[in-house]
């Protein structure tokens, strides 16, 4: 009876320790960075234009938001040695906001107005 308890305790211990050991050995994910996110978001906007998911007004607003983030990043980078933690967090927050705006604009069922034929 004691042997069964020891075996059961050993099995229970291994089932609790094995996942923790696997988690500790897992590689950590390092974010790609602010510039990579800016490039992905620019690509998403271009895709929205090509798929006719964005109106002219939405496109102008998104471009202005992107430009504001780039200016803010430039100011942060010129003010010191790269980006500190607070600056990076602020840029990430701005990029998150822009990302949500891109998604909403692409999926709001608005379509660009058809362009009138060119007159010669």
PDB file of N, CA and C in Angstrom:
ATOM      1  N   UNK A   1       0.819  -1.182   0.000  1.00  0.00           N
ATOM      2  CA  UNK A   1       0.000   0.000   0.000  1.00  0.00           C
ATOM      3  C   UNK A   1       0.870   1.256   0.000  1.00  0.00           C
ATOM      4  N   UNK A   2       1.947   1.249   0.771  1.00  0.00           N
ATOM      5  CA  UNK A   2       2.864   2.385   0.819  1.00  0.00           C
ATOM      6  C   UNK A   2       3.525   2.598  -0.525  1.00  0.00           C
ATOM      7  N   UNK A   3       3.854   1.521  -1.227  1.00  0.00           N
ATOM      8  CA  UNK A   3       4.501   1.612  -2.522  1.00  0.00           C
ATOM      9  C   UNK A   3       3.580   2.310  -3.527  1.00  0.00           C
ATOM     10  N   UNK A   4       2.308   2.003  -3.478  1.00  0.00           N
ATOM     11  CA  UNK A   4       1.336   2.609  -4.385  1.00  0.00           C
ATOM     12  C   UNK A   4       1.259   4.114  -4.125  1.00  0.00           C
ATOM     13  N   UNK A   5       1.295   4.501  -2.865  1.00  0.00           N
ATOM     14  CA  UNK A   5       1.249   5.927  -2.522  1.00  0.00           C
ATOM     15  C   UNK A   5       2.487   6.658  -3.034  1.00  0.00           C
ATOM     16  N   UNK A   6       3.650   6.017  -2.897  1.00  0.00           N
ATOM     17  CA  UNK A   6       4.890   6.641  -3.374  1.00  0.00           C
ATOM     18  C   UNK A   6       4.879   6.786  -4.895  1.00  0.00           C
ATOM     19  N   UNK A   7       4.398   5.759  -5.566  1.00  0.00           N
ATOM     20  CA  UNK A   7       4.331   5.821  -7.033  1.00  0.00           C
ATOM     21  C   UNK A   7       3.334   6.907  -7.458  1.00  0.00           C
ATOM     22  N   UNK A   8       2.193   6.959  -6.802  1.00  0.00           N
ATOM     23  CA  UNK A   8       1.176   7.959  -7.137  1.00  0.00           C
ATOM     24  C   UNK A   8       1.724   9.371  -6.883  1.00  0.00           C
ATOM     25  N   UNK A   9       2.439   9.536  -5.787  1.00  0.00           N
ATOM     26  CA  UNK A   9       3.012  10.838  -5.481  1.00  0.00           C
ATOM     27  C   UNK A   9       4.072  11.214  -6.522  1.00  0.00           C
ATOM     28  N   UNK A  10       4.872  10.264  -6.954  1.00  0.00           N
ATOM     29  CA  UNK A  10       5.907  10.525  -7.950  1.00  0.00           C
ATOM     30  C   UNK A  10       5.271  10.909  -9.293  1.00  0.00           C
ATOM     31  N   UNK A  11       4.226  10.200  -9.681  1.00  0.00           N
ATOM     32  CA  UNK A  11       3.538  10.505 -10.939  1.00  0.00           C
ATOM     33  C   UNK A  11       2.919  11.903 -10.875  1.00  0.00           C
ATOM     34  N   UNK A  12       2.280  12.228  -9.761  1.00  0.00           N
ATOM     35  CA  UNK A  12       1.675  13.551  -9.585  1.00  0.00           C
ATOM     36  C   UNK A  12       2.755  14.634  -9.654  1.00  0.00           C
ATOM     37  N   UNK A  13       3.857  14.389  -9.018  1.00  0.00           N
ATOM     38  CA  UNK A  13       4.946  15.365  -9.029  1.00  0.00           C
ATOM     39  C   UNK A  13       5.478  15.599 -10.424  1.00  0.00           C
ATOM     40  N   UNK A  14       5.628  14.523 -11.198  1.00  0.00           N
ATOM     41  CA  UNK A  14       6.135  14.660 -12.563  1.00  0.00           C
ATOM     42  C   UNK A  14       5.140  15.398 -13.450  1.00  0.00           C
ATOM     43  N   UNK A  15       3.847  15.164 -13.268  1.00  0.00           N
ATOM     44  CA  UNK A  15       2.869  15.844 -14.112  1.00  0.00           C
ATOM     45  C   UNK A  15       2.825  17.337 -13.794  1.00  0.00           C
ATOM     46  N   UNK A  16       3.180  17.719 -12.577  1.00  0.00           N
ATOM     47  CA  UNK A  16       3.198  19.137 -12.233  1.00  0.00           C
ATOM     48  C   UNK A  16       4.495  19.825 -12.641  1.00  0.00           C
ATOM     49  N   UNK A  17       5.604  19.107 -12.601  1.00  0.00           N
ATOM     50  CA  UNK A  17       6.907  19.690 -12.891  1.00  0.00           C
ATOM     51  C   UNK A  17       7.203  19.706 -14.392  1.00  0.00           C
ATOM     52  N   UNK A  18       6.772  18.707 -15.136  1.00  0.00           N
ATOM     53  CA  UNK A  18       7.108  18.603 -16.562  1.00  0.00           C
ATOM     54  C   UNK A  18       6.649  19.820 -17.365  1.00  0.00           C
ATOM     55  N   UNK A  19       5.406  20.300 -17.223  1.00  0.00           N
ATOM     56  CA  UNK A  19       5.022  21.491 -18.006  1.00  0.00           C
ATOM     57  C   UNK A  19       5.846  22.723 -17.643  1.00  0.00           C
ATOM     58  N   UNK A  20       6.180  22.885 -16.374  1.00  0.00           N
ATOM     59  CA  UNK A  20       6.970  24.046 -15.960  1.00  0.00           C
ATOM     60  C   UNK A  20       8.367  23.987 -16.564  1.00  0.00           C
ATOM     61  N   UNK A  21       8.944  22.798 -16.647  1.00  0.00           N
ATOM     62  CA  UNK A  21      10.273  22.647 -17.235  1.00  0.00           C
ATOM     63  C   UNK A  21      10.227  22.949 -18.726  1.00  0.00           C
ATOM     64  N   UNK A  22       9.171  22.529 -19.400  1.00  0.00           N
ATOM     65  CA  UNK A  22       9.027  22.815 -20.826  1.00  0.00           C
ATOM     66  C   UNK A  22       8.838  24.294 -21.078  1.00  0.00           C
ATOM     67  N   UNK A  23       8.123  24.961 -20.220  1.00  0.00           N
ATOM     68  CA  UNK A  23       7.883  26.391 -20.367  1.00  0.00           C
ATOM     69  C   UNK A  23       9.181  27.163 -20.183  1.00  0.00           C
ATOM     70  N   UNK A  24       9.991  26.759 -19.225  1.00  0.00           N
ATOM     71  CA  UNK A  24      11.244  27.458 -18.958  1.00  0.00           C
ATOM     72  C   UNK A  24      12.204  27.328 -20.140  1.00  0.00           C
ATOM     73  N   UNK A  25      12.147  26.220 -20.873  1.00  0.00           N
ATOM     74  CA  UNK A  25      13.053  26.000 -21.989  1.00  0.00           C
ATOM     75  C   UNK A  25      12.544  26.632 -23.284  1.00  0.00           C
ATOM     76  N   UNK A  26      11.288  27.079 -23.307  1.00  0.00           N
ATOM     77  CA  UNK A  26      10.717  27.648 -24.527  1.00  0.00           C
ATOM     78  C   UNK A  26      11.418  28.965 -24.861  1.00  0.00           C
ATOM     79  N   UNK A  27      11.671  29.187 -26.143  1.00  0.00           N
ATOM     80  CA  UNK A  27      12.319  30.449 -26.516  1.00  0.00           C
ATOM     81  C   UNK A  27      11.380  31.623 -26.254  1.00  0.00           C
ATOM     82  N   UNK A  28      11.952  32.725 -25.851  1.00  0.00           N
ATOM     83  CA  UNK A  28      11.131  33.904 -25.587  1.00  0.00           C
ATOM     84  C   UNK A  28      10.924  34.650 -26.895  1.00  0.00           C
ATOM     85  N   UNK A  29       9.755  35.258 -27.040  1.00  0.00           N
ATOM     86  CA  UNK A  29       9.420  36.009 -28.248  1.00  0.00           C
ATOM     87  C   UNK A  29       9.833  37.456 -28.056  1.00  0.00           C
ATOM     88  N   UNK A  30      10.674  37.925 -28.944  1.00  0.00           N
ATOM     89  CA  UNK A  30      11.105  39.321 -28.888  1.00  0.00           C
ATOM     90  C   UNK A  30      10.312  40.103 -29.927  1.00  0.00           C
ATOM     91  N   UNK A  31       9.656  41.187 -29.523  1.00  0.00           N
ATOM     92  CA  UNK A  31       8.889  41.965 -30.489  1.00  0.00           C
ATOM     93  C   UNK A  31       9.766  42.462 -31.631  1.00  0.00           C
ATOM     94  N   UNK A  32       9.166  42.572 -32.802  1.00  0.00           N
ATOM     95  CA  UNK A  32       9.928  42.958 -33.993  1.00  0.00           C
ATOM     96  C   UNK A  32      10.379  44.409 -33.946  1.00  0.00           C
ATOM     97  N   UNK A  33       9.673  45.256 -33.228  1.00  0.00           N
ATOM     98  CA  UNK A  33      10.084  46.636 -33.116  1.00  0.00           C
ATOM     99  C   UNK A  33       9.108  47.590 -33.781  1.00  0.00           C
ATOM    100  N   UNK A  34       9.316  48.859 -33.494  1.00  0.00           N
ATOM    101  CA  UNK A  34       8.428  49.915 -33.956  1.00  0.00           C
ATOM    102  C   UNK A  34       8.461  50.020 -35.476  1.00  0.00           C
ATOM    103  N   UNK A  35       9.636  50.007 -36.070  1.00  0.00           N
ATOM    104  CA  UNK A  35       9.741  50.174 -37.526  1.00  0.00           C
ATOM    105  C   UNK A  35       9.067  49.033 -38.274  1.00  0.00           C
ATOM    106  N   UNK A  36       9.206  47.808 -37.777  1.00  0.00           N
ATOM    107  CA  UNK A  36       8.557  46.666 -38.426  1.00  0.00           C
ATOM    108  C   UNK A  36       7.041  46.800 -38.364  1.00  0.00           C
ATOM    109  N   UNK A  37       6.528  47.260 -37.232  1.00  0.00           N
ATOM    110  CA  UNK A  37       5.076  47.459 -37.117  1.00  0.00           C
ATOM    111  C   UNK A  37       4.606  48.545 -38.067  1.00  0.00           C
ATOM    112  N   UNK A  38       5.381  49.608 -38.186  1.00  0.00           N
ATOM    113  CA  UNK A  38       5.012  50.684 -39.112  1.00  0.00           C
ATOM    114  C   UNK A  38       4.946  50.157 -40.542  1.00  0.00           C
ATOM    115  N   UNK A  39       5.911  49.326 -40.929  1.00  0.00           N
ATOM    116  CA  UNK A  39       5.912  48.756 -42.279  1.00  0.00           C
ATOM    117  C   UNK A  39       4.702  47.846 -42.499  1.00  0.00           C
ATOM    118  N   UNK A  40       4.375  47.011 -41.502  1.00  0.00           N
ATOM    119  CA  UNK A  40       3.211  46.120 -41.638  1.00  0.00           C
ATOM    120  C   UNK A  40       1.921  46.926 -41.767  1.00  0.00           C
ATOM    121  N   UNK A  41       1.802  47.983 -40.976  1.00  0.00           N
ATOM    122  CA  UNK A  41       0.594  48.795 -41.018  1.00  0.00           C
ATOM    123  C   UNK A  41       0.486  49.538 -42.349  1.00  0.00           C
ATOM    124  N   UNK A  42       1.593  50.013 -42.876  1.00  0.00           N
ATOM    125  CA  UNK A  42       1.591  50.660 -44.191  1.00  0.00           C
ATOM    126  C   UNK A  42       1.139  49.666 -45.249  1.00  0.00           C
ATOM    127  N   UNK A  43       1.611  48.448 -45.146  1.00  0.00           N
ATOM    128  CA  UNK A  43       1.218  47.403 -46.085  1.00  0.00           C
ATOM    129  C   UNK A  43      -0.282  47.108 -45.978  1.00  0.00           C
ATOM    130  N   UNK A  44      -0.805  47.085 -44.767  1.00  0.00           N
ATOM    131  CA  UNK A  44      -2.244  46.840 -44.573  1.00  0.00           C
ATOM    132  C   UNK A  44      -3.070  47.958 -45.202  1.00  0.00           C
ATOM    133  N   UNK A  45      -2.590  49.183 -45.091  1.00  0.00           N
ATOM    134  CA  UNK A  45      -3.301  50.315 -45.698  1.00  0.00           C
ATOM    135  C   UNK A  45      -3.276  50.189 -47.217  1.00  0.00           C
ATOM    136  N   UNK A  46      -2.110  49.863 -47.789  1.00  0.00           N
ATOM    137  CA  UNK A  46      -2.008  49.684 -49.247  1.00  0.00           C
ATOM    138  C   UNK A  46      -2.945  48.581 -49.721  1.00  0.00           C
ATOM    139  N   UNK A  47      -3.020  47.492 -48.965  1.00  0.00           N
ATOM    140  CA  UNK A  47      -3.938  46.404 -49.313  1.00  0.00           C
ATOM    141  C   UNK A  47      -5.385  46.893 -49.296  1.00  0.00           C
ATOM    142  N   UNK A  48      -5.729  47.723 -48.320  1.00  0.00           N
ATOM    143  CA  UNK A  48      -7.076  48.272 -48.237  1.00  0.00           C
ATOM    144  C   UNK A  48      -7.418  49.154 -49.422  1.00  0.00           C
ATOM    145  N   UNK A  49      -6.438  49.898 -49.910  1.00  0.00           N
ATOM    146  CA  UNK A  49      -6.648  50.749 -51.086  1.00  0.00           C
ATOM    147  C   UNK A  49      -6.846  49.869 -52.321  1.00  0.00           C
ATOM    148  N   UNK A  50      -5.980  48.867 -52.493  1.00  0.00           N
ATOM    149  CA  UNK A  50      -6.071  47.984 -53.656  1.00  0.00           C
ATOM    150  C   UNK A  50      -7.389  47.208 -53.672  1.00  0.00           C
ATOM    151  N   UNK A  51      -7.862  46.790 -52.505  1.00  0.00           N
ATOM    152  CA  UNK A  51      -9.101  46.019 -52.406  1.00  0.00           C
ATOM    153  C   UNK A  51     -10.337  46.913 -52.368  1.00  0.00           C
ATOM    154  N   UNK A  52     -10.128  48.234 -52.489  1.00  0.00           N
ATOM    155  CA  UNK A  52     -11.208  49.220 -52.449  1.00  0.00           C
ATOM    156  C   UNK A  52     -12.023  49.132 -51.147  1.00  0.00           C
ATOM    157  N   UNK A  53     -11.313  48.962 -50.047  1.00  0.00           N
ATOM    158  CA  UNK A  53     -11.940  48.905 -48.730  1.00  0.00           C
ATOM    159  C   UNK A  53     -11.857  50.242 -48.006  1.00  0.00           C
ATOM    160  N   UNK A  54     -11.042  51.167 -48.520  1.00  0.00           N
ATOM    161  CA  UNK A  54     -10.842  52.454 -47.853  1.00  0.00           C
ATOM    162  C   UNK A  54     -11.331  53.595 -48.728  1.00  0.00           C
ATOM    163  N   UNK A  55     -12.030  54.522 -48.117  1.00  0.00           N
ATOM    164  CA  UNK A  55     -12.434  55.732 -48.833  1.00  0.00           C
ATOM    165  C   UNK A  55     -11.265  56.712 -48.808  1.00  0.00           C
ATOM    166  N   UNK A  56     -11.375  57.767 -49.589  1.00  0.00           N
ATOM    167  CA  UNK A  56     -10.321  58.790 -49.629  1.00  0.00           C
ATOM    168  C   UNK A  56     -10.139  59.422 -48.248  1.00  0.00           C
ATOM    169  N   UNK A  57     -11.244  59.721 -47.565  1.00  0.00           N
ATOM    170  CA  UNK A  57     -11.169  60.318 -46.230  1.00  0.00           C
ATOM    171  C   UNK A  57     -10.499  59.393 -45.227  1.00  0.00           C
ATOM    172  N   UNK A  58     -10.845  58.104 -45.280  1.00  0.00           N
ATOM    173  CA  UNK A  58     -10.218  57.134 -44.371  1.00  0.00           C
ATOM    174  C   UNK A  58      -8.726  57.022 -44.655  1.00  0.00           C
ATOM    175  N   UNK A  59      -8.385  56.993 -45.944  1.00  0.00           N
ATOM    176  CA  UNK A  59      -6.973  56.898 -46.329  1.00  0.00           C
ATOM    177  C   UNK A  59      -6.195  58.112 -45.836  1.00  0.00           C
ATOM    178  N   UNK A  60      -6.759  59.299 -46.020  1.00  0.00           N
ATOM    179  CA  UNK A  60      -6.084  60.520 -45.573  1.00  0.00           C
ATOM    180  C   UNK A  60      -5.879  60.505 -44.061  1.00  0.00           C
ATOM    181  N   UNK A  61      -6.881  60.074 -43.312  1.00  0.00           N
ATOM    182  CA  UNK A  61      -6.794  60.023 -41.839  1.00  0.00           C
ATOM    183  C   UNK A  61      -5.717  59.035 -41.404  1.00  0.00           C
ATOM    184  N   UNK A  62      -5.696  57.861 -42.029  1.00  0.00           N
ATOM    185  CA  UNK A  62      -4.699  56.850 -41.659  1.00  0.00           C
ATOM    186  C   UNK A  62      -3.287  57.311 -41.996  1.00  0.00           C
ATOM    187  N   UNK A  63      -3.122  57.969 -43.139  1.00  0.00           N
ATOM    188  CA  UNK A  63      -1.798  58.486 -43.502  1.00  0.00           C
ATOM    189  C   UNK A  63      -1.337  59.558 -42.516  1.00  0.00           C
ATOM    190  N   UNK A  64      -2.271  60.391 -42.080  1.00  0.00           N
ATOM    191  CA  UNK A  64      -1.923  61.430 -41.099  1.00  0.00           C
ATOM    192  C   UNK A  64      -1.528  60.789 -39.768  1.00  0.00           C
ATOM    193  N   UNK A  65      -2.244  59.752 -39.365  1.00  0.00           N
ATOM    194  CA  UNK A  65      -1.902  59.050 -38.117  1.00  0.00           C
ATOM    195  C   UNK A  65      -0.510  58.432 -38.216  1.00  0.00           C
ATOM    196  N   UNK A  66      -0.212  57.808 -39.355  1.00  0.00           N
ATOM    197  CA  UNK A  66       1.109  57.214 -39.550  1.00  0.00           C
ATOM    198  C   UNK A  66       2.202  58.277 -39.501  1.00  0.00           C
ATOM    199  N   UNK A  67       1.958  59.389 -40.156  1.00  0.00           N
ATOM    200  CA  UNK A  67       2.952  60.466 -40.178  1.00  0.00           C
ATOM    201  C   UNK A  67       3.204  60.999 -38.770  1.00  0.00           C
ATOM    202  N   UNK A  68       2.142  61.121 -37.977  1.00  0.00           N
ATOM    203  CA  UNK A  68       2.292  61.610 -36.603  1.00  0.00           C
ATOM    204  C   UNK A  68       3.143  60.657 -35.772  1.00  0.00           C
ATOM    205  N   UNK A  69       2.957  59.363 -35.957  1.00  0.00           N
ATOM    206  CA  UNK A  69       3.758  58.379 -35.218  1.00  0.00           C
ATOM    207  C   UNK A  69       5.220  58.471 -35.647  1.00  0.00           C
ATOM    208  N   UNK A  70       5.457  58.616 -36.960  1.00  0.00           N
ATOM    209  CA  UNK A  70       6.844  58.725 -37.439  1.00  0.00           C
ATOM    210  C   UNK A  70       7.532  59.973 -36.892  1.00  0.00           C
ATOM    211  N   UNK A  71       6.806  61.099 -36.851  1.00  0.00           N
ATOM    212  CA  UNK A  71       7.384  62.336 -36.312  1.00  0.00           C
ATOM    213  C   UNK A  71       7.705  62.153 -34.832  1.00  0.00           C
ATOM    214  N   UNK A  72       6.765  61.564 -34.097  1.00  0.00           N
ATOM    215  CA  UNK A  72       6.984  61.346 -32.666  1.00  0.00           C
ATOM    216  C   UNK A  72       8.192  60.438 -32.436  1.00  0.00           C
ATOM    217  N   UNK A  73       8.304  59.391 -33.240  1.00  0.00           N
ATOM    218  CA  UNK A  73       9.450  58.489 -33.116  1.00  0.00           C
ATOM    219  C   UNK A  73      10.754  59.234 -33.407  1.00  0.00           C
ATOM    220  N   UNK A  74      10.760  60.063 -34.438  1.00  0.00           N
ATOM    221  CA  UNK A  74      11.963  60.823 -34.792  1.00  0.00           C
ATOM    222  C   UNK A  74      12.381  61.732 -33.643  1.00  0.00           C
ATOM    223  N   UNK A  75      11.408  62.400 -33.024  1.00  0.00           N
ATOM    224  CA  UNK A  75      11.705  63.288 -31.896  1.00  0.00           C
ATOM    225  C   UNK A  75      12.298  62.479 -30.745  1.00  0.00           C
ATOM    226  N   UNK A  76      11.681  61.328 -30.433  1.00  0.00           N
ATOM    227  CA  UNK A  76      12.186  60.485 -29.349  1.00  0.00           C
ATOM    228  C   UNK A  76      13.615  60.014 -29.623  1.00  0.00           C
ATOM    229  N   UNK A  77      13.870  59.586 -30.849  1.00  0.00           N
ATOM    230  CA  UNK A  77      15.201  59.057 -31.172  1.00  0.00           C
ATOM    231  C   UNK A  77      16.264  60.153 -31.149  1.00  0.00           C
ATOM    232  N   UNK A  78      15.912  61.376 -31.510  1.00  0.00           N
ATOM    233  CA  UNK A  78      16.881  62.476 -31.515  1.00  0.00           C
ATOM    234  C   UNK A  78      17.135  63.031 -30.121  1.00  0.00           C
ATOM    235  N   UNK A  79      16.223  62.755 -29.190  1.00  0.00           N
ATOM    236  CA  UNK A  79      16.359  63.325 -27.850  1.00  0.00           C
ATOM    237  C   UNK A  79      17.332  62.558 -26.954  1.00  0.00           C
ATOM    238  N   UNK A  80      17.787  61.420 -27.406  1.00  0.00           N
ATOM    239  CA  UNK A  80      18.691  60.663 -26.546  1.00  0.00           C
ATOM    240  C   UNK A  80      19.292  59.499 -27.300  1.00  0.00           C
ATOM    241  N   UNK A  81      19.616  58.472 -26.548  1.00  0.00           N
ATOM    242  CA  UNK A  81      20.249  57.279 -27.108  1.00  0.00           C
ATOM    243  C   UNK A  81      19.180  56.261 -27.495  1.00  0.00           C
ATOM    244  N   UNK A  82      18.528  56.456 -28.625  1.00  0.00           N
ATOM    245  CA  UNK A  82      17.482  55.526 -29.046  1.00  0.00           C
ATOM    246  C   UNK A  82      16.195  55.768 -28.283  1.00  0.00           C
ATOM    247  N   UNK A  83      15.405  54.697 -28.138  1.00  0.00           N
ATOM    248  CA  UNK A  83      14.122  54.784 -27.443  1.00  0.00           C
ATOM    249  C   UNK A  83      14.249  54.192 -26.051  1.00  0.00           C
ATOM    250  N   UNK A  84      13.781  54.931 -25.042  1.00  0.00           N
ATOM    251  CA  UNK A  84      13.744  54.331 -23.713  1.00  0.00           C
ATOM    252  C   UNK A  84      12.412  53.589 -23.549  1.00  0.00           C
ATOM    253  N   UNK A  85      12.227  52.966 -22.417  1.00  0.00           N
ATOM    254  CA  UNK A  85      11.050  52.117 -22.192  1.00  0.00           C
ATOM    255  C   UNK A  85       9.749  52.908 -22.288  1.00  0.00           C
ATOM    256  N   UNK A  86       9.717  54.097 -21.708  1.00  0.00           N
ATOM    257  CA  UNK A  86       8.498  54.915 -21.732  1.00  0.00           C
ATOM    258  C   UNK A  86       8.160  55.353 -23.154  1.00  0.00           C
ATOM    259  N   UNK A  87       9.187  55.751 -23.912  1.00  0.00           N
ATOM    260  CA  UNK A  87       8.969  56.202 -25.282  1.00  0.00           C
ATOM    261  C   UNK A  87       8.475  55.055 -26.165  1.00  0.00           C
ATOM    262  N   UNK A  88       9.089  53.888 -25.997  1.00  0.00           N
ATOM    263  CA  UNK A  88       8.675  52.716 -26.775  1.00  0.00           C
ATOM    264  C   UNK A  88       7.223  52.355 -26.454  1.00  0.00           C
ATOM    265  N   UNK A  89       6.873  52.405 -25.167  1.00  0.00           N
ATOM    266  CA  UNK A  89       5.511  52.084 -24.751  1.00  0.00           C
ATOM    267  C   UNK A  89       4.517  53.088 -25.344  1.00  0.00           C
ATOM    268  N   UNK A  90       4.890  54.365 -25.380  1.00  0.00           N
ATOM    269  CA  UNK A  90       4.026  55.392 -25.960  1.00  0.00           C
ATOM    270  C   UNK A  90       3.830  55.147 -27.453  1.00  0.00           C
ATOM    271  N   UNK A  91       4.913  54.827 -28.164  1.00  0.00           N
ATOM    272  CA  UNK A  91       4.798  54.546 -29.588  1.00  0.00           C
ATOM    273  C   UNK A  91       3.955  53.299 -29.841  1.00  0.00           C
ATOM    274  N   UNK A  92       4.138  52.276 -29.014  1.00  0.00           N
ATOM    275  CA  UNK A  92       3.334  51.053 -29.155  1.00  0.00           C
ATOM    276  C   UNK A  92       1.855  51.359 -28.952  1.00  0.00           C
ATOM    277  N   UNK A  93       1.546  52.205 -27.991  1.00  0.00           N
ATOM    278  CA  UNK A  93       0.151  52.592 -27.741  1.00  0.00           C
ATOM    279  C   UNK A  93      -0.417  53.317 -28.970  1.00  0.00           C
ATOM    280  N   UNK A  94       0.365  54.229 -29.545  1.00  0.00           N
ATOM    281  CA  UNK A  94      -0.075  54.945 -30.744  1.00  0.00           C
ATOM    282  C   UNK A  94      -0.249  53.988 -31.921  1.00  0.00           C
ATOM    283  N   UNK A  95       0.675  53.039 -32.067  1.00  0.00           N
ATOM    284  CA  UNK A  95       0.574  52.061 -33.151  1.00  0.00           C
ATOM    285  C   UNK A  95      -0.630  51.142 -32.952  1.00  0.00           C
ATOM    286  N   UNK A  96      -0.927  50.791 -31.706  1.00  0.00           N
ATOM    287  CA  UNK A  96      -2.120  49.974 -31.432  1.00  0.00           C
ATOM    288  C   UNK A  96      -3.381  50.718 -31.856  1.00  0.00           C
ATOM    289  N   UNK A  97      -3.427  51.997 -31.535  1.00  0.00           N
ATOM    290  CA  UNK A  97      -4.590  52.826 -31.903  1.00  0.00           C
ATOM    291  C   UNK A  97      -4.731  52.879 -33.423  1.00  0.00           C
ATOM    292  N   UNK A  98      -3.639  53.119 -34.120  1.00  0.00           N
ATOM    293  CA  UNK A  98      -3.676  53.177 -35.579  1.00  0.00           C
ATOM    294  C   UNK A  98      -4.083  51.831 -36.165  1.00  0.00           C
ATOM    295  N   UNK A  99      -3.587  50.750 -35.583  1.00  0.00           N
ATOM    296  CA  UNK A  99      -3.947  49.416 -36.057  1.00  0.00           C
ATOM    297  C   UNK A  99      -5.449  49.176 -35.944  1.00  0.00           C
ATOM    298  N   UNK A 100      -6.040  49.578 -34.820  1.00  0.00           N
ATOM    299  CA  UNK A 100      -7.496  49.440 -34.662  1.00  0.00           C
ATOM    300  C   UNK A 100      -8.242  50.285 -35.686  1.00  0.00           C
ATOM    301  N   UNK A 101      -7.729  51.485 -35.954  1.00  0.00           N
ATOM    302  CA  UNK A 101      -8.373  52.359 -36.938  1.00  0.00           C
ATOM    303  C   UNK A 101      -8.293  51.765 -38.346  1.00  0.00           C
ATOM    304  N   UNK A 102      -7.171  51.139 -38.676  1.00  0.00           N
ATOM    305  CA  UNK A 102      -7.034  50.483 -39.980  1.00  0.00           C
ATOM    306  C   UNK A 102      -8.067  49.367 -40.094  1.00  0.00           C
ATOM    307  N   UNK A 103      -8.161  48.562 -39.067  1.00  0.00           N
ATOM    308  CA  UNK A 103      -9.104  47.455 -39.087  1.00  0.00           C
ATOM    309  C   UNK A 103     -10.537  47.948 -39.233  1.00  0.00           C
ATOM    310  N   UNK A 104     -10.906  48.943 -38.457  1.00  0.00           N
ATOM    311  CA  UNK A 104     -12.276  49.479 -38.534  1.00  0.00           C
ATOM    312  C   UNK A 104     -12.561  50.060 -39.910  1.00  0.00           C
ATOM    313  N   UNK A 105     -11.601  50.806 -40.453  1.00  0.00           N
ATOM    314  CA  UNK A 105     -11.805  51.434 -41.755  1.00  0.00           C
ATOM    315  C   UNK A 105     -11.939  50.396 -42.867  1.00  0.00           C
ATOM    316  N   UNK A 106     -11.163  49.316 -42.779  1.00  0.00           N
ATOM    317  CA  UNK A 106     -11.204  48.292 -43.820  1.00  0.00           C
ATOM    318  C   UNK A 106     -12.472  47.451 -43.751  1.00  0.00           C
ATOM    319  N   UNK A 107     -13.101  47.378 -42.582  1.00  0.00           N
ATOM    320  CA  UNK A 107     -14.249  46.473 -42.417  1.00  0.00           C
ATOM    321  C   UNK A 107     -15.556  47.190 -42.113  1.00  0.00           C
ATOM    322  N   UNK A 108     -15.675  48.454 -42.450  1.00  0.00           N
ATOM    323  CA  UNK A 108     -16.885  49.200 -42.118  1.00  0.00           C
ATOM    324  C   UNK A 108     -17.886  49.267 -43.265  1.00  0.00           C
ATOM    325  N   UNK A 109     -17.683  48.508 -44.301  1.00  0.00           N
ATOM    326  CA  UNK A 109     -18.604  48.406 -45.445  1.00  0.00           C
ATOM    327  C   UNK A 109     -18.690  49.681 -46.278  1.00  0.00           C
ATOM    328  N   UNK A 110     -17.842  50.667 -46.042  1.00  0.00           N
ATOM    329  CA  UNK A 110     -17.809  51.851 -46.900  1.00  0.00           C
ATOM    330  C   UNK A 110     -16.903  51.550 -48.076  1.00  0.00           C
ATOM    331  N   UNK A 111     -17.256  52.072 -49.217  1.00  0.00           N
ATOM    332  CA  UNK A 111     -16.427  51.881 -50.402  1.00  0.00           C
ATOM    333  C   UNK A 111     -16.166  53.226 -51.041  1.00  0.00           C
ATOM    334  N   UNK A 112     -15.051  53.362 -51.742  1.00  0.00           N
ATOM    335  CA  UNK A 112     -14.757  54.641 -52.403  1.00  0.00           C
ATOM    336  C   UNK A 112     -15.800  54.932 -53.479  1.00  0.00           C
ATOM    337  N   UNK A 113     -16.052  56.219 -53.706  1.00  0.00           N
ATOM    338  CA  UNK A 113     -16.974  56.618 -54.762  1.00  0.00           C
ATOM    339  C   UNK A 113     -16.333  56.312 -56.111  1.00  0.00           C
ATOM    340  N   UNK A 114     -17.133  55.876 -57.085  1.00  0.00           N
ATOM    341  CA  UNK A 114     -16.561  55.632 -58.415  1.00  0.00           C
ATOM    342  C   UNK A 114     -16.091  56.948 -59.022  1.00  0.00           C
ATOM    343  N   UNK A 115     -14.970  56.893 -59.677  1.00  0.00           N
ATOM    344  CA  UNK A 115     -14.401  58.081 -60.316  1.00  0.00           C
ATOM    345  C   UNK A 115     -15.105  58.331 -61.637  1.00  0.00           C
ATOM    346  N   UNK A 116     -15.449  59.579 -61.928  1.00  0.00           N
ATOM    347  CA  UNK A 116     -16.069  59.870 -63.224  1.00  0.00           C
ATOM    348  C   UNK A 116     -15.062  59.644 -64.353  1.00  0.00           C
ATOM    349  N   UNK A 117     -15.565  59.323 -65.535  1.00  0.00           N
ATOM    350  CA  UNK A 117     -14.623  59.089 -66.661  1.00  0.00           C
ATOM    351  C   UNK A 117     -13.827  60.354 -66.963  1.00  0.00           C
ATOM    352  N   UNK A 118     -12.619  60.172 -67.374  1.00  0.00           N
ATOM    353  CA  UNK A 118     -11.733  61.311 -67.694  1.00  0.00           C
ATOM    354  C   UNK A 118     -12.246  62.001 -68.940  1.00  0.00           C
ATOM    355  N   UNK A 119     -12.267  63.329 -68.896  1.00  0.00           N
ATOM    356  CA  UNK A 119     -12.695  64.096 -70.067  1.00  0.00           C
ATOM    357  C   UNK A 119     -11.470  64.700 -70.733  1.00  0.00           C
ATOM    358  N   UNK A 120     -11.446  64.612 -72.048  1.00  0.00           N
ATOM    359  CA  UNK A 120     -10.304  65.132 -72.797  1.00  0.00           C
ATOM    360  C   UNK A 120     -10.522  66.535 -73.251  1.00  0.00           C
TER     361      UNK A 120
END
